[in-house]
Amino acid sequence: QVQLVESGGGLVQPGGSLRLSCSASGSILSINSMGWHRQAPGKQREFVADINWSGGSTNYVDSVKGRFTISRDNAENTVYLQMNSLLPEDTGVYYCKVNGLRPLQSRYFESWGQGTLVTVSS
């Protein structure tokens, strides 16, 4: 089993900032990547950003480029999402996602967190 613990969501005014964090623990041999998706009310879940665990390369959805920064702490199996210049359309539940290999037979796994709510409103 792989567990993900997310934190950092909340209510913020437009133009404000929030920092999300997500820590992975449990039966993990190695991590390939960690990242964030979000789901706005009435919409499908969408990719936001991810980071390669070994090389550190990053990917972002166009709508957050220049405003969001994803980073990692390899030793703590933790990924962060620094969100600046937040807009009302950034509102949604943010889900952490991790994929990698489990110790047993180096089996691939993919796990999702339970989500943390981000509300951008005045």
N, C-alpha and C. Protein backbone atom coordinates (compact mmCIF):
# COMPACT_ATOMS: atom_id res chain seq x y z
N GLN A 1 0.83 -1.20 0.00
CA GLN A 1 0.00 0.00 0.00
C GLN A 1 0.87 1.25 0.00
N VAL A 2 0.42 2.24 -0.76
CA VAL A 2 1.09 3.54 -0.79
C VAL A 2 0.09 4.58 -0.30
N GLN A 3 0.52 5.38 0.65
CA GLN A 3 -0.35 6.42 1.18
C GLN A 3 0.17 7.79 0.78
N LEU A 4 -0.76 8.67 0.47
CA LEU A 4 -0.43 10.06 0.15
C LEU A 4 -1.15 10.97 1.12
N VAL A 5 -0.41 11.90 1.69
CA VAL A 5 -0.99 12.87 2.62
C VAL A 5 -0.79 14.25 2.03
N GLU A 6 -1.89 14.92 1.75
CA GLU A 6 -1.87 16.26 1.14
C GLU A 6 -2.20 17.32 2.19
N SER A 7 -1.67 18.50 1.98
CA SER A 7 -2.01 19.61 2.87
C SER A 7 -1.78 20.92 2.12
N GLY A 8 -2.32 21.99 2.68
CA GLY A 8 -2.03 23.32 2.17
C GLY A 8 -3.18 24.02 1.47
N GLY A 9 -4.29 23.34 1.26
CA GLY A 9 -5.41 24.00 0.61
C GLY A 9 -6.06 25.02 1.53
N GLY A 10 -6.99 25.79 0.96
CA GLY A 10 -7.69 26.78 1.76
C GLY A 10 -8.33 27.84 0.90
N LEU A 11 -8.77 28.90 1.57
CA LEU A 11 -9.42 30.02 0.91
C LEU A 11 -8.42 31.16 0.76
N VAL A 12 -8.32 31.70 -0.44
CA VAL A 12 -7.39 32.79 -0.69
C VAL A 12 -8.04 33.77 -1.66
N GLN A 13 -7.67 35.04 -1.54
CA GLN A 13 -8.19 36.06 -2.44
C GLN A 13 -7.48 36.00 -3.79
N PRO A 14 -8.14 36.46 -4.84
CA PRO A 14 -7.47 36.53 -6.15
C PRO A 14 -6.17 37.31 -6.04
N GLY A 15 -5.14 36.79 -6.68
CA GLY A 15 -3.81 37.39 -6.59
C GLY A 15 -2.97 36.85 -5.46
N GLY A 16 -3.56 36.07 -4.60
CA GLY A 16 -2.84 35.51 -3.46
C GLY A 16 -2.07 34.26 -3.80
N SER A 17 -1.49 33.66 -2.77
CA SER A 17 -0.63 32.48 -2.94
C SER A 17 -1.00 31.39 -1.95
N LEU A 18 -0.75 30.18 -2.37
CA LEU A 18 -0.88 29.01 -1.51
C LEU A 18 0.23 28.03 -1.88
N ARG A 19 0.60 27.21 -0.92
CA ARG A 19 1.58 26.16 -1.18
C ARG A 19 0.99 24.83 -0.76
N LEU A 20 0.87 23.92 -1.71
CA LEU A 20 0.38 22.58 -1.43
C LEU A 20 1.57 21.64 -1.24
N SER A 21 1.38 20.66 -0.38
CA SER A 21 2.40 19.63 -0.22
C SER A 21 1.74 18.26 -0.22
N CYS A 22 2.51 17.26 -0.61
CA CYS A 22 2.01 15.89 -0.67
C CYS A 22 3.17 14.96 -0.36
N SER A 23 2.99 14.12 0.65
CA SER A 23 4.02 13.18 1.06
C SER A 23 3.57 11.75 0.80
N ALA A 24 4.45 10.97 0.20
CA ALA A 24 4.15 9.57 -0.09
C ALA A 24 4.89 8.67 0.89
N SER A 25 4.20 7.64 1.33
CA SER A 25 4.81 6.68 2.24
C SER A 25 4.23 5.30 1.98
N GLY A 26 4.89 4.30 2.55
CA GLY A 26 4.40 2.93 2.40
C GLY A 26 5.36 2.08 1.60
N SER A 27 4.80 1.16 0.86
CA SER A 27 5.59 0.17 0.13
C SER A 27 6.06 0.75 -1.21
N ILE A 28 7.20 1.44 -1.16
CA ILE A 28 7.73 2.12 -2.35
C ILE A 28 9.18 1.71 -2.56
N LEU A 29 9.46 1.18 -3.74
CA LEU A 29 10.85 0.89 -4.10
C LEU A 29 11.49 2.13 -4.73
N SER A 30 10.77 2.73 -5.65
CA SER A 30 11.26 3.95 -6.29
C SER A 30 10.07 4.72 -6.84
N ILE A 31 10.29 6.03 -7.00
CA ILE A 31 9.25 6.91 -7.56
C ILE A 31 9.70 7.36 -8.94
N ASN A 32 8.80 7.29 -9.91
CA ASN A 32 9.08 7.82 -11.25
C ASN A 32 8.76 9.31 -11.32
N SER A 33 7.57 9.66 -10.86
CA SER A 33 7.16 11.05 -10.89
C SER A 33 6.05 11.28 -9.87
N MET A 34 5.90 12.53 -9.48
CA MET A 34 4.78 12.96 -8.66
C MET A 34 4.21 14.21 -9.29
N GLY A 35 2.94 14.45 -9.05
CA GLY A 35 2.34 15.62 -9.66
C GLY A 35 0.98 15.95 -9.08
N TRP A 36 0.35 16.92 -9.72
CA TRP A 36 -0.94 17.42 -9.25
C TRP A 36 -1.94 17.48 -10.41
N HIS A 37 -3.15 17.12 -10.09
CA HIS A 37 -4.29 17.32 -10.97
C HIS A 37 -5.31 18.13 -10.18
N ARG A 38 -6.28 18.69 -10.85
CA ARG A 38 -7.33 19.42 -10.15
C ARG A 38 -8.68 19.19 -10.83
N GLN A 39 -9.72 19.37 -10.03
CA GLN A 39 -11.07 19.22 -10.55
C GLN A 39 -11.91 20.38 -10.06
N ALA A 40 -12.34 21.21 -10.99
CA ALA A 40 -13.20 22.33 -10.67
C ALA A 40 -14.65 21.84 -10.60
N PRO A 41 -15.50 22.57 -9.90
CA PRO A 41 -16.91 22.16 -9.79
C PRO A 41 -17.54 21.99 -11.16
N GLY A 42 -18.15 20.83 -11.38
CA GLY A 42 -18.83 20.58 -12.63
C GLY A 42 -17.95 20.27 -13.82
N LYS A 43 -16.65 20.12 -13.58
CA LYS A 43 -15.72 19.85 -14.67
C LYS A 43 -14.95 18.57 -14.43
N GLN A 44 -14.30 18.10 -15.50
CA GLN A 44 -13.48 16.91 -15.37
C GLN A 44 -12.15 17.23 -14.72
N ARG A 45 -11.56 16.23 -14.13
CA ARG A 45 -10.23 16.40 -13.54
C ARG A 45 -9.22 16.68 -14.65
N GLU A 46 -8.32 17.62 -14.38
CA GLU A 46 -7.31 17.97 -15.38
C GLU A 46 -5.92 17.97 -14.78
N PHE A 47 -4.96 17.71 -15.63
CA PHE A 47 -3.55 17.75 -15.24
C PHE A 47 -3.14 19.19 -14.94
N VAL A 48 -2.34 19.37 -13.89
CA VAL A 48 -1.81 20.68 -13.55
C VAL A 48 -0.29 20.73 -13.75
N ALA A 49 0.41 19.82 -13.08
CA ALA A 49 1.87 19.82 -13.16
C ALA A 49 2.42 18.50 -12.65
N ASP A 50 3.60 18.14 -13.15
CA ASP A 50 4.29 16.99 -12.56
C ASP A 50 5.80 17.20 -12.65
N ILE A 51 6.50 16.34 -11.90
CA ILE A 51 7.96 16.45 -11.84
C ILE A 51 8.57 15.06 -11.86
N ASN A 52 9.58 14.91 -12.69
CA ASN A 52 10.32 13.65 -12.75
C ASN A 52 11.19 13.52 -11.52
N TRP A 53 11.13 12.36 -10.89
CA TRP A 53 11.78 12.24 -9.58
C TRP A 53 13.30 12.19 -9.65
N SER A 54 13.84 11.64 -10.68
CA SER A 54 15.31 11.53 -10.73
C SER A 54 15.93 12.77 -11.36
N GLY A 55 15.41 13.19 -12.52
CA GLY A 55 16.03 14.31 -13.21
C GLY A 55 15.49 15.67 -12.84
N GLY A 56 14.28 15.69 -12.29
CA GLY A 56 13.71 16.97 -11.89
C GLY A 56 13.02 17.75 -12.98
N SER A 57 12.88 17.16 -14.17
CA SER A 57 12.19 17.89 -15.24
C SER A 57 10.72 18.05 -14.88
N THR A 58 10.14 19.15 -15.34
CA THR A 58 8.78 19.49 -14.96
C THR A 58 7.89 19.71 -16.18
N ASN A 59 6.60 19.56 -15.96
CA ASN A 59 5.59 19.84 -16.98
C ASN A 59 4.45 20.60 -16.33
N TYR A 60 3.88 21.53 -17.07
CA TYR A 60 2.77 22.32 -16.56
C TYR A 60 1.68 22.45 -17.63
N VAL A 61 0.45 22.55 -17.18
CA VAL A 61 -0.61 22.92 -18.10
C VAL A 61 -0.42 24.40 -18.43
N ASP A 62 -0.77 24.79 -19.65
CA ASP A 62 -0.50 26.16 -20.10
C ASP A 62 -1.09 27.22 -19.17
N SER A 63 -2.24 26.95 -18.61
CA SER A 63 -2.95 27.96 -17.83
C SER A 63 -2.24 28.33 -16.53
N VAL A 64 -1.28 27.53 -16.08
CA VAL A 64 -0.60 27.84 -14.82
C VAL A 64 0.87 28.19 -15.03
N LYS A 65 1.36 28.10 -16.24
CA LYS A 65 2.77 28.41 -16.49
C LYS A 65 3.08 29.85 -16.10
N GLY A 66 4.19 30.02 -15.39
CA GLY A 66 4.58 31.33 -14.92
C GLY A 66 3.97 31.71 -13.59
N ARG A 67 2.99 30.95 -13.12
CA ARG A 67 2.35 31.25 -11.84
C ARG A 67 2.57 30.14 -10.81
N PHE A 68 2.60 28.91 -11.25
CA PHE A 68 2.78 27.75 -10.36
C PHE A 68 4.18 27.18 -10.54
N THR A 69 4.73 26.67 -9.44
CA THR A 69 6.02 26.01 -9.48
C THR A 69 5.94 24.71 -8.70
N ILE A 70 6.32 23.61 -9.36
CA ILE A 70 6.35 22.32 -8.68
C ILE A 70 7.78 22.00 -8.30
N SER A 71 7.96 21.43 -7.12
CA SER A 71 9.29 21.06 -6.66
C SER A 71 9.19 19.79 -5.82
N ARG A 72 10.34 19.24 -5.47
CA ARG A 72 10.32 17.96 -4.75
C ARG A 72 11.39 17.91 -3.69
N ASP A 73 11.17 17.03 -2.73
CA ASP A 73 12.17 16.69 -1.72
C ASP A 73 12.31 15.18 -1.80
N ASN A 74 13.35 14.74 -2.47
CA ASN A 74 13.52 13.29 -2.71
C ASN A 74 13.64 12.51 -1.41
N ALA A 75 14.35 13.06 -0.47
CA ALA A 75 14.59 12.33 0.79
C ALA A 75 13.30 12.11 1.57
N GLU A 76 12.35 13.04 1.42
CA GLU A 76 11.10 12.94 2.16
C GLU A 76 9.95 12.42 1.31
N ASN A 77 10.24 12.07 0.05
CA ASN A 77 9.17 11.63 -0.88
C ASN A 77 8.01 12.62 -0.87
N THR A 78 8.36 13.89 -0.98
CA THR A 78 7.35 14.95 -0.89
C THR A 78 7.42 15.85 -2.11
N VAL A 79 6.26 16.21 -2.61
CA VAL A 79 6.17 17.14 -3.73
C VAL A 79 5.41 18.37 -3.26
N TYR A 80 5.81 19.52 -3.79
CA TYR A 80 5.19 20.79 -3.43
C TYR A 80 4.64 21.46 -4.70
N LEU A 81 3.61 22.25 -4.50
CA LEU A 81 3.10 23.08 -5.57
C LEU A 81 2.92 24.49 -5.03
N GLN A 82 3.82 25.38 -5.42
CA GLN A 82 3.71 26.78 -5.04
C GLN A 82 2.83 27.47 -6.06
N MET A 83 1.73 28.03 -5.58
CA MET A 83 0.75 28.66 -6.47
C MET A 83 0.70 30.16 -6.17
N ASN A 84 1.10 30.95 -7.13
CA ASN A 84 1.09 32.41 -6.99
C ASN A 84 0.11 33.02 -7.98
N SER A 85 -0.23 34.28 -7.73
CA SER A 85 -1.14 35.01 -8.63
C SER A 85 -2.39 34.19 -8.93
N LEU A 86 -2.97 33.66 -7.87
CA LEU A 86 -4.12 32.77 -8.04
C LEU A 86 -5.32 33.50 -8.62
N LEU A 87 -6.07 32.78 -9.45
CA LEU A 87 -7.24 33.30 -10.13
C LEU A 87 -8.47 32.52 -9.68
N PRO A 88 -9.65 33.10 -9.78
CA PRO A 88 -10.85 32.34 -9.42
C PRO A 88 -10.97 31.02 -10.17
N GLU A 89 -10.49 30.98 -11.40
CA GLU A 89 -10.58 29.74 -12.18
C GLU A 89 -9.60 28.67 -11.71
N ASP A 90 -8.75 28.99 -10.76
CA ASP A 90 -7.88 27.97 -10.15
C ASP A 90 -8.61 27.21 -9.04
N THR A 91 -9.80 27.63 -8.73
CA THR A 91 -10.59 26.97 -7.69
C THR A 91 -10.88 25.52 -8.06
N GLY A 92 -10.73 24.65 -7.07
CA GLY A 92 -11.02 23.24 -7.30
C GLY A 92 -10.39 22.37 -6.23
N VAL A 93 -10.63 21.09 -6.36
CA VAL A 93 -9.97 20.13 -5.49
C VAL A 93 -8.69 19.68 -6.18
N TYR A 94 -7.59 19.80 -5.49
CA TYR A 94 -6.28 19.44 -6.03
C TYR A 94 -5.88 18.07 -5.51
N TYR A 95 -5.56 17.20 -6.45
CA TYR A 95 -5.21 15.82 -6.13
C TYR A 95 -3.75 15.56 -6.44
N CYS A 96 -3.08 14.95 -5.50
CA CYS A 96 -1.70 14.52 -5.70
C CYS A 96 -1.69 13.13 -6.33
N LYS A 97 -0.74 12.91 -7.21
CA LYS A 97 -0.61 11.62 -7.88
C LYS A 97 0.85 11.19 -7.86
N VAL A 98 1.10 9.93 -7.58
CA VAL A 98 2.46 9.39 -7.60
C VAL A 98 2.46 8.10 -8.40
N ASN A 99 3.55 7.85 -9.11
CA ASN A 99 3.72 6.55 -9.75
C ASN A 99 5.17 6.12 -9.61
N GLY A 100 5.33 4.81 -9.57
CA GLY A 100 6.67 4.28 -9.38
C GLY A 100 6.64 2.77 -9.33
N LEU A 101 7.59 2.21 -8.58
CA LEU A 101 7.71 0.76 -8.46
C LEU A 101 7.61 0.35 -6.99
N ARG A 102 6.92 -0.74 -6.75
CA ARG A 102 6.82 -1.29 -5.42
C ARG A 102 7.88 -2.38 -5.24
N PRO A 103 8.29 -2.64 -4.02
CA PRO A 103 9.36 -3.62 -3.80
C PRO A 103 9.04 -5.01 -4.33
N LEU A 104 7.80 -5.45 -4.21
CA LEU A 104 7.44 -6.80 -4.61
C LEU A 104 7.48 -6.91 -6.13
N GLN A 105 8.47 -7.65 -6.64
CA GLN A 105 8.62 -7.89 -8.08
C GLN A 105 8.75 -6.60 -8.88
N SER A 106 9.17 -5.53 -8.24
CA SER A 106 9.30 -4.23 -8.91
C SER A 106 8.05 -3.89 -9.70
N ARG A 107 6.92 -4.08 -9.08
CA ARG A 107 5.64 -3.88 -9.74
C ARG A 107 5.30 -2.40 -9.81
N TYR A 108 4.81 -1.96 -10.97
CA TYR A 108 4.41 -0.57 -11.17
C TYR A 108 3.18 -0.25 -10.32
N PHE A 109 3.17 0.94 -9.77
CA PHE A 109 1.98 1.39 -9.05
C PHE A 109 1.68 2.83 -9.40
N GLU A 110 0.43 3.20 -9.19
CA GLU A 110 -0.04 4.58 -9.36
C GLU A 110 -1.04 4.83 -8.24
N SER A 111 -0.85 5.90 -7.50
CA SER A 111 -1.73 6.20 -6.38
C SER A 111 -2.15 7.66 -6.40
N TRP A 112 -3.34 7.88 -5.89
CA TRP A 112 -3.90 9.23 -5.81
C TRP A 112 -4.18 9.60 -4.35
N GLY A 113 -4.01 10.87 -4.05
CA GLY A 113 -4.39 11.37 -2.75
C GLY A 113 -5.88 11.64 -2.70
N GLN A 114 -6.35 12.02 -1.53
CA GLN A 114 -7.78 12.25 -1.35
C GLN A 114 -8.21 13.64 -1.79
N GLY A 115 -7.27 14.51 -2.01
CA GLY A 115 -7.58 15.85 -2.51
C GLY A 115 -7.61 16.89 -1.41
N THR A 116 -7.25 18.11 -1.80
CA THR A 116 -7.31 19.25 -0.90
C THR A 116 -7.98 20.40 -1.66
N LEU A 117 -8.90 21.07 -1.00
CA LEU A 117 -9.72 22.10 -1.66
C LEU A 117 -9.00 23.44 -1.67
N VAL A 118 -8.94 24.03 -2.85
CA VAL A 118 -8.42 25.38 -3.03
C VAL A 118 -9.56 26.25 -3.54
N THR A 119 -9.84 27.32 -2.80
CA THR A 119 -10.90 28.24 -3.19
C THR A 119 -10.30 29.63 -3.36
N VAL A 120 -10.44 30.19 -4.55
CA VAL A 120 -9.94 31.53 -4.83
C VAL A 120 -11.15 32.44 -5.02
N SER A 121 -11.35 33.30 -4.05
CA SER A 121 -12.55 34.14 -4.07
C SER A 121 -12.34 35.37 -3.19
N SER A 122 -12.96 36.45 -3.59
CA SER A 122 -12.90 37.66 -2.77
C SER A 122 -14.11 37.74 -1.84
